[in-house]
C-alpha atoms as a PDB file:
ATOM      1  CA  MET A   1       0.126   0.179  -0.131  1.00  0.00           C
ATOM      2  CA  ILE A   2       1.444   3.389  -0.968  1.00  0.00           C
ATOM      3  CA  ARG A   3      -1.018   5.580   0.533  1.00  0.00           C
ATOM      4  CA  ILE A   4       0.744   8.609   2.290  1.00  0.00           C
ATOM      5  CA  ASP A   5      -2.460  10.371   3.827  1.00  0.00           C
ATOM      6  CA  ASN A   6      -2.129  13.236   1.819  1.00  0.00           C
ATOM      7  CA  LYS A   7      -5.304  15.327   0.907  1.00  0.00           C
ATOM      8  CA  THR A   8      -3.407  17.593  -1.263  1.00  0.00           C
ATOM      9  CA  PRO A   9      -5.140  18.290  -4.599  1.00  0.00           C
ATOM     10  CA  VAL A  10      -3.010  17.321  -7.703  1.00  0.00           C
ATOM     11  CA  ILE A  11      -2.764  19.832 -10.438  1.00  0.00           C
ATOM     12  CA  GLY A  12      -4.163  18.285 -13.747  1.00  0.00           C
ATOM     13  CA  TYR A  13      -6.384  15.769 -11.940  1.00  0.00           C
ATOM     14  CA  GLY A  14      -9.452  17.823 -11.213  1.00  0.00           C
ATOM     15  CA  PRO A  15     -10.501  17.011  -7.440  1.00  0.00           C
ATOM     16  CA  LEU A  16      -8.293  14.108  -7.109  1.00  0.00           C
ATOM     17  CA  THR A  17      -5.679  14.195  -4.234  1.00  0.00           C
ATOM     18  CA  LEU A  18      -2.488  12.256  -3.903  1.00  0.00           C
ATOM     19  CA  ASP A  19      -4.417   9.660  -1.535  1.00  0.00           C
ATOM     20  CA  ASP A  20      -6.750   9.308  -4.403  1.00  0.00           C
ATOM     21  CA  LEU A  21      -3.818   8.479  -6.846  1.00  0.00           C
ATOM     22  CA  ALA A  22      -2.466   6.137  -4.333  1.00  0.00           C
ATOM     23  CA  LEU A  23      -5.577   4.121  -4.049  1.00  0.00           C
ATOM     24  CA  ARG A  24      -5.816   4.022  -7.922  1.00  0.00           C
ATOM     25  CA  ALA A  25      -2.269   2.460  -7.933  1.00  0.00           C
ATOM     26  CA  ASP A  26      -3.048   0.350  -4.980  1.00  0.00           C
ATOM     27  CA  GLN A  27      -6.062  -1.200  -6.688  1.00  0.00           C
ATOM     28  CA  ALA A  28      -4.201  -1.613 -10.152  1.00  0.00           C
ATOM     29  CA  TYR A  29      -1.426  -3.434  -8.379  1.00  0.00           C
ATOM     30  CA  ALA A  30      -4.219  -5.618  -6.628  1.00  0.00           C
ATOM     31  CA  ASP A  31      -5.870  -6.352  -9.950  1.00  0.00           C
ATOM     32  CA  HIS A  32      -2.704  -7.412 -11.562  1.00  0.00           C
ATOM     33  CA  ILE A  33      -1.710  -9.698  -8.662  1.00  0.00           C
ATOM     34  CA  ASP A  34      -4.848 -11.301  -8.870  1.00  0.00           C
ATOM     35  CA  THR A  35      -3.997 -12.458 -12.342  1.00  0.00           C
ATOM     36  CA  TYR A  36      -1.366 -14.684 -10.806  1.00  0.00           C
ATOM     37  CA  THR A  37      -3.846 -16.087  -8.418  1.00  0.00           C
ATOM     38  CA  ALA A  38      -6.113 -16.946 -11.123  1.00  0.00           C
ATOM     39  CA  VAL A  39      -3.491 -19.073 -13.106  1.00  0.00           C
ATOM     40  CA  GLU A  40      -2.672 -20.942  -9.690  1.00  0.00           C
ATOM     41  CA  VAL A  41      -6.188 -21.753  -9.374  1.00  0.00           C
ATOM     42  CA  LEU A  42      -6.618 -23.017 -12.743  1.00  0.00           C
ATOM     43  CA  HIS A  43      -3.463 -25.296 -12.319  1.00  0.00           C
ATOM     44  CA  ARG A  44      -4.530 -26.671  -9.051  1.00  0.00           C
ATOM     45  CA  ALA A  45      -8.250 -27.591 -10.513  1.00  0.00           C
ATOM     46  CA  PHE A  46      -6.612 -29.056 -13.726  1.00  0.00           C
ATOM     47  CA  MET A  47      -4.308 -31.271 -11.504  1.00  0.00           C
ATOM     48  CA  ALA A  48      -7.230 -32.333  -9.190  1.00  0.00           C
ATOM     49  CA  ILE A  49      -8.963 -33.811 -12.253  1.00  0.00           C
ATOM     50  CA  PRO A  50      -7.818 -37.242 -12.654  1.00  0.00           C
ATOM     51  CA  ASP A  51      -9.312 -37.998 -16.192  1.00  0.00           C
ATOM     52  CA  ARG A  52      -8.392 -35.109 -18.160  1.00  0.00           C
ATOM     53  CA  GLY A  53      -9.300 -35.271 -21.812  1.00  0.00           C
ATOM     54  CA  GLU A  54      -8.058 -32.983 -24.821  1.00  0.00           C
ATOM     55  CA  ASP A  55     -11.159 -30.916 -24.490  1.00  0.00           C
ATOM     56  CA  MET A  56     -10.419 -30.214 -20.858  1.00  0.00           C
ATOM     57  CA  SER A  57      -6.734 -29.347 -21.515  1.00  0.00           C
ATOM     58  CA  ALA A  58      -7.784 -27.152 -24.466  1.00  0.00           C
ATOM     59  CA  LEU A  59     -10.289 -25.140 -22.331  1.00  0.00           C
ATOM     60  CA  ILE A  60      -7.608 -24.706 -19.557  1.00  0.00           C
ATOM     61  CA  ASP A  61      -5.035 -23.667 -22.181  1.00  0.00           C
ATOM     62  CA  ALA A  62      -7.553 -21.074 -23.594  1.00  0.00           C
ATOM     63  CA  ALA A  63      -8.163 -19.730 -20.139  1.00  0.00           C
ATOM     64  CA  LYS A  64      -4.548 -19.401 -19.305  1.00  0.00           C
ATOM     65  CA  GLU A  65      -4.062 -17.480 -22.536  1.00  0.00           C
ATOM     66  CA  PHE A  66      -7.068 -15.046 -21.807  1.00  0.00           C
ATOM     67  CA  ILE A  67      -5.579 -14.436 -18.299  1.00  0.00           C
ATOM     68  CA  ARG A  68      -2.110 -13.824 -19.760  1.00  0.00           C
ATOM     69  CA  ASP A  69      -3.635 -11.169 -21.995  1.00  0.00           C
ATOM     70  CA  TYR A  70      -5.537  -9.618 -19.255  1.00  0.00           C
ATOM     71  CA  ARG A  71      -2.326  -9.789 -17.286  1.00  0.00           C
ATOM     72  CA  GLU A  72      -0.505  -7.523 -19.726  1.00  0.00           C
ATOM     73  CA  LYS A  73      -3.316  -5.044 -19.490  1.00  0.00           C
ATOM     74  CA  THR A  74      -3.469  -4.755 -15.881  1.00  0.00           C
ATOM     75  CA  HIS A  75       0.362  -4.762 -15.686  1.00  0.00           C
ATOM     76  CA  GLU A  76       0.246  -1.729 -17.941  1.00  0.00           C
ATOM     77  CA  HIS A  77      -2.566  -0.147 -15.937  1.00  0.00           C
ATOM     78  CA  TRP A  78      -0.498  -0.617 -12.833  1.00  0.00           C
ATOM     79  CA  ARG A  79       2.681   0.923 -14.051  1.00  0.00           C
ATOM     80  CA  VAL A  80       0.673   3.996 -15.311  1.00  0.00           C
ATOM     81  CA  THR A  81      -1.273   4.554 -12.247  1.00  0.00           C
ATOM     82  CA  TYR A  82       2.074   4.167 -10.112  1.00  0.00           C
ATOM     83  CA  ALA A  83       3.999   6.401 -12.216  1.00  0.00           C
ATOM     84  CA  GLU A  84       1.110   9.066 -12.103  1.00  0.00           C
ATOM     85  CA  TRP A  85       1.139   8.941  -8.338  1.00  0.00           C
ATOM     86  CA  ALA A  86       4.952   9.023  -8.076  1.00  0.00           C
ATOM     87  CA  TYR A  87       5.176  11.966 -10.161  1.00  0.00           C
ATOM     88  CA  ALA A  88       2.443  13.869  -8.342  1.00  0.00           C
ATOM     89  CA  SER A  89       4.137  12.975  -5.188  1.00  0.00           C
ATOM     90  CA  GLY A  90       7.622  14.279  -6.397  1.00  0.00           C
ATOM     91  CA  LEU A  91       9.173  10.961  -6.333  1.00  0.00           C
ATOM     92  CA  ASP A  92      11.386   9.479  -9.001  1.00  0.00           C
ATOM     93  CA  ILE A  93      10.713   5.998 -10.224  1.00  0.00           C
ATOM     94  CA  SER A  94      13.756   3.965  -9.771  1.00  0.00           C
ATOM     95  CA  PRO A  95      14.976   2.281 -12.951  1.00  0.00           C
ATOM     96  CA  ASP A  96      15.641  -0.740 -10.867  1.00  0.00           C
ATOM     97  CA  LEU A  97      11.917  -1.217 -10.317  1.00  0.00           C
ATOM     98  CA  PRO A  98      11.165  -4.646 -11.936  1.00  0.00           C
ATOM     99  CA  ASP A  99       8.558  -4.878 -14.466  1.00  0.00           C
ATOM    100  CA  ASP A 100       7.232  -7.821 -12.549  1.00  0.00           C
ATOM    101  CA  PRO A 101       5.610  -6.704  -9.288  1.00  0.00           C
ATOM    102  CA  THR A 102       5.862 -10.196  -7.726  1.00  0.00           C
ATOM    103  CA  GLN A 103       9.781  -9.626  -7.824  1.00  0.00           C
ATOM    104  CA  ASN A 104       9.454  -6.619  -5.736  1.00  0.00           C
ATOM    105  CA  GLY A 105       8.586  -6.966  -2.041  1.00  0.00           C
ATOM    106  CA  GLU A 106       6.371  -3.441  -2.002  1.00  0.00           C
ATOM    107  CA  VAL A 107       5.438  -0.785  -4.352  1.00  0.00           C
END
Protein backbone atom coordinates (compact mmCIF):
# COMPACT_ATOMS: atom_id res chain seq x y z
CA MET A 1 0.00 0.00 0.00
CA ILE A 2 1.44 3.34 -1.03
CA ARG A 3 -1.00 5.71 0.63
CA ILE A 4 0.61 8.64 2.31
CA ASP A 5 -2.47 10.27 3.90
CA ASN A 6 -2.11 13.37 1.80
CA LYS A 7 -5.29 15.22 0.88
CA THR A 8 -3.40 17.69 -1.32
CA PRO A 9 -5.20 18.22 -4.65
CA VAL A 10 -3.07 17.31 -7.65
CA ILE A 11 -2.83 19.83 -10.48
CA GLY A 12 -4.20 18.38 -13.70
CA TYR A 13 -6.31 15.71 -12.00
CA GLY A 14 -9.39 17.75 -11.10
CA PRO A 15 -10.52 17.10 -7.54
CA LEU A 16 -8.21 14.11 -7.05
CA THR A 17 -5.73 14.13 -4.19
CA LEU A 18 -2.46 12.27 -3.76
CA ASP A 19 -4.38 9.73 -1.69
CA ASP A 20 -6.81 9.22 -4.58
CA LEU A 21 -3.92 8.55 -6.96
CA ALA A 22 -2.35 6.20 -4.42
CA LEU A 23 -5.62 4.29 -4.06
CA ARG A 24 -5.85 3.95 -7.84
CA ALA A 25 -2.32 2.57 -8.01
CA ASP A 26 -2.98 0.20 -5.09
CA GLN A 27 -6.11 -1.15 -6.78
CA ALA A 28 -4.34 -1.54 -10.12
CA TYR A 29 -1.57 -3.48 -8.35
CA ALA A 30 -4.11 -5.73 -6.58
CA ASP A 31 -5.92 -6.39 -9.87
CA HIS A 32 -2.64 -7.33 -11.52
CA ILE A 33 -1.55 -9.64 -8.71
CA ASP A 34 -4.95 -11.38 -8.87
CA THR A 35 -4.04 -12.62 -12.35
CA TYR A 36 -1.26 -14.70 -10.83
CA THR A 37 -3.72 -16.19 -8.34
CA ALA A 38 -6.16 -17.01 -11.14
CA VAL A 39 -3.57 -19.03 -13.04
CA GLU A 40 -2.61 -20.88 -9.86
CA VAL A 41 -6.25 -21.78 -9.21
CA LEU A 42 -6.62 -23.04 -12.79
CA HIS A 43 -3.51 -25.14 -12.40
CA ARG A 44 -4.68 -26.69 -9.13
CA ALA A 45 -8.16 -27.39 -10.50
CA PHE A 46 -6.69 -29.00 -13.60
CA MET A 47 -4.35 -31.17 -11.57
CA ALA A 48 -7.20 -32.24 -9.27
CA ILE A 49 -9.14 -33.77 -12.17
CA PRO A 50 -7.75 -37.27 -12.65
CA ASP A 51 -9.38 -37.93 -16.02
CA ARG A 52 -8.29 -34.94 -18.10
CA GLY A 53 -9.24 -35.16 -21.74
CA GLU A 54 -8.10 -33.12 -24.70
CA ASP A 55 -11.17 -30.89 -24.43
CA MET A 56 -10.33 -30.10 -20.80
CA SER A 57 -6.72 -29.34 -21.70
CA ALA A 58 -7.78 -27.05 -24.54
CA LEU A 59 -10.22 -25.24 -22.26
CA ILE A 60 -7.59 -24.69 -19.58
CA ASP A 61 -5.03 -23.52 -22.16
CA ALA A 62 -7.54 -21.03 -23.59
CA ALA A 63 -8.33 -19.73 -20.10
CA LYS A 64 -4.63 -19.33 -19.28
CA GLU A 65 -4.06 -17.44 -22.54
CA PHE A 66 -7.02 -15.18 -21.75
CA ILE A 67 -5.57 -14.46 -18.30
CA ARG A 68 -2.11 -13.80 -19.79
CA ASP A 69 -3.62 -11.21 -22.14
CA TYR A 70 -5.53 -9.66 -19.26
CA ARG A 71 -2.35 -9.68 -17.16
CA GLU A 72 -0.60 -7.56 -19.78
CA LYS A 73 -3.40 -5.00 -19.59
CA THR A 74 -3.42 -4.93 -15.79
CA HIS A 75 0.36 -4.65 -15.70
CA GLU A 76 0.31 -1.60 -17.96
CA HIS A 77 -2.51 -0.05 -15.94
CA TRP A 78 -0.58 -0.61 -12.71
CA ARG A 79 2.60 0.92 -14.14
CA VAL A 80 0.71 3.99 -15.41
CA THR A 81 -1.19 4.59 -12.17
CA TYR A 82 1.94 4.07 -10.08
CA ALA A 83 3.88 6.48 -12.30
CA GLU A 84 1.11 9.10 -12.00
CA TRP A 85 1.13 8.82 -8.21
CA ALA A 86 4.93 8.91 -8.02
CA TYR A 87 5.15 11.94 -10.32
CA ALA A 88 2.43 13.81 -8.41
CA SER A 89 4.22 12.95 -5.15
CA GLY A 90 7.50 14.30 -6.46
CA LEU A 91 9.17 10.89 -6.40
CA ASP A 92 11.47 9.47 -9.03
CA ILE A 93 10.68 5.97 -10.18
CA SER A 94 13.74 3.83 -9.80
CA PRO A 95 15.00 2.34 -13.06
CA ASP A 96 15.66 -0.77 -10.96
CA LEU A 97 11.95 -1.27 -10.27
CA PRO A 98 11.18 -4.64 -11.85
CA ASP A 99 8.43 -4.97 -14.43
CA ASP A 100 7.11 -7.98 -12.55
CA PRO A 101 5.56 -6.77 -9.28
CA THR A 102 5.96 -10.21 -7.75
CA GLN A 103 9.72 -9.65 -7.85
CA ASN A 104 9.45 -6.57 -5.63
CA GLY A 105 8.48 -6.78 -1.96
CA GLU A 106 6.53 -3.56 -1.95
CA VAL A 107 5.38 -0.96 -4.38
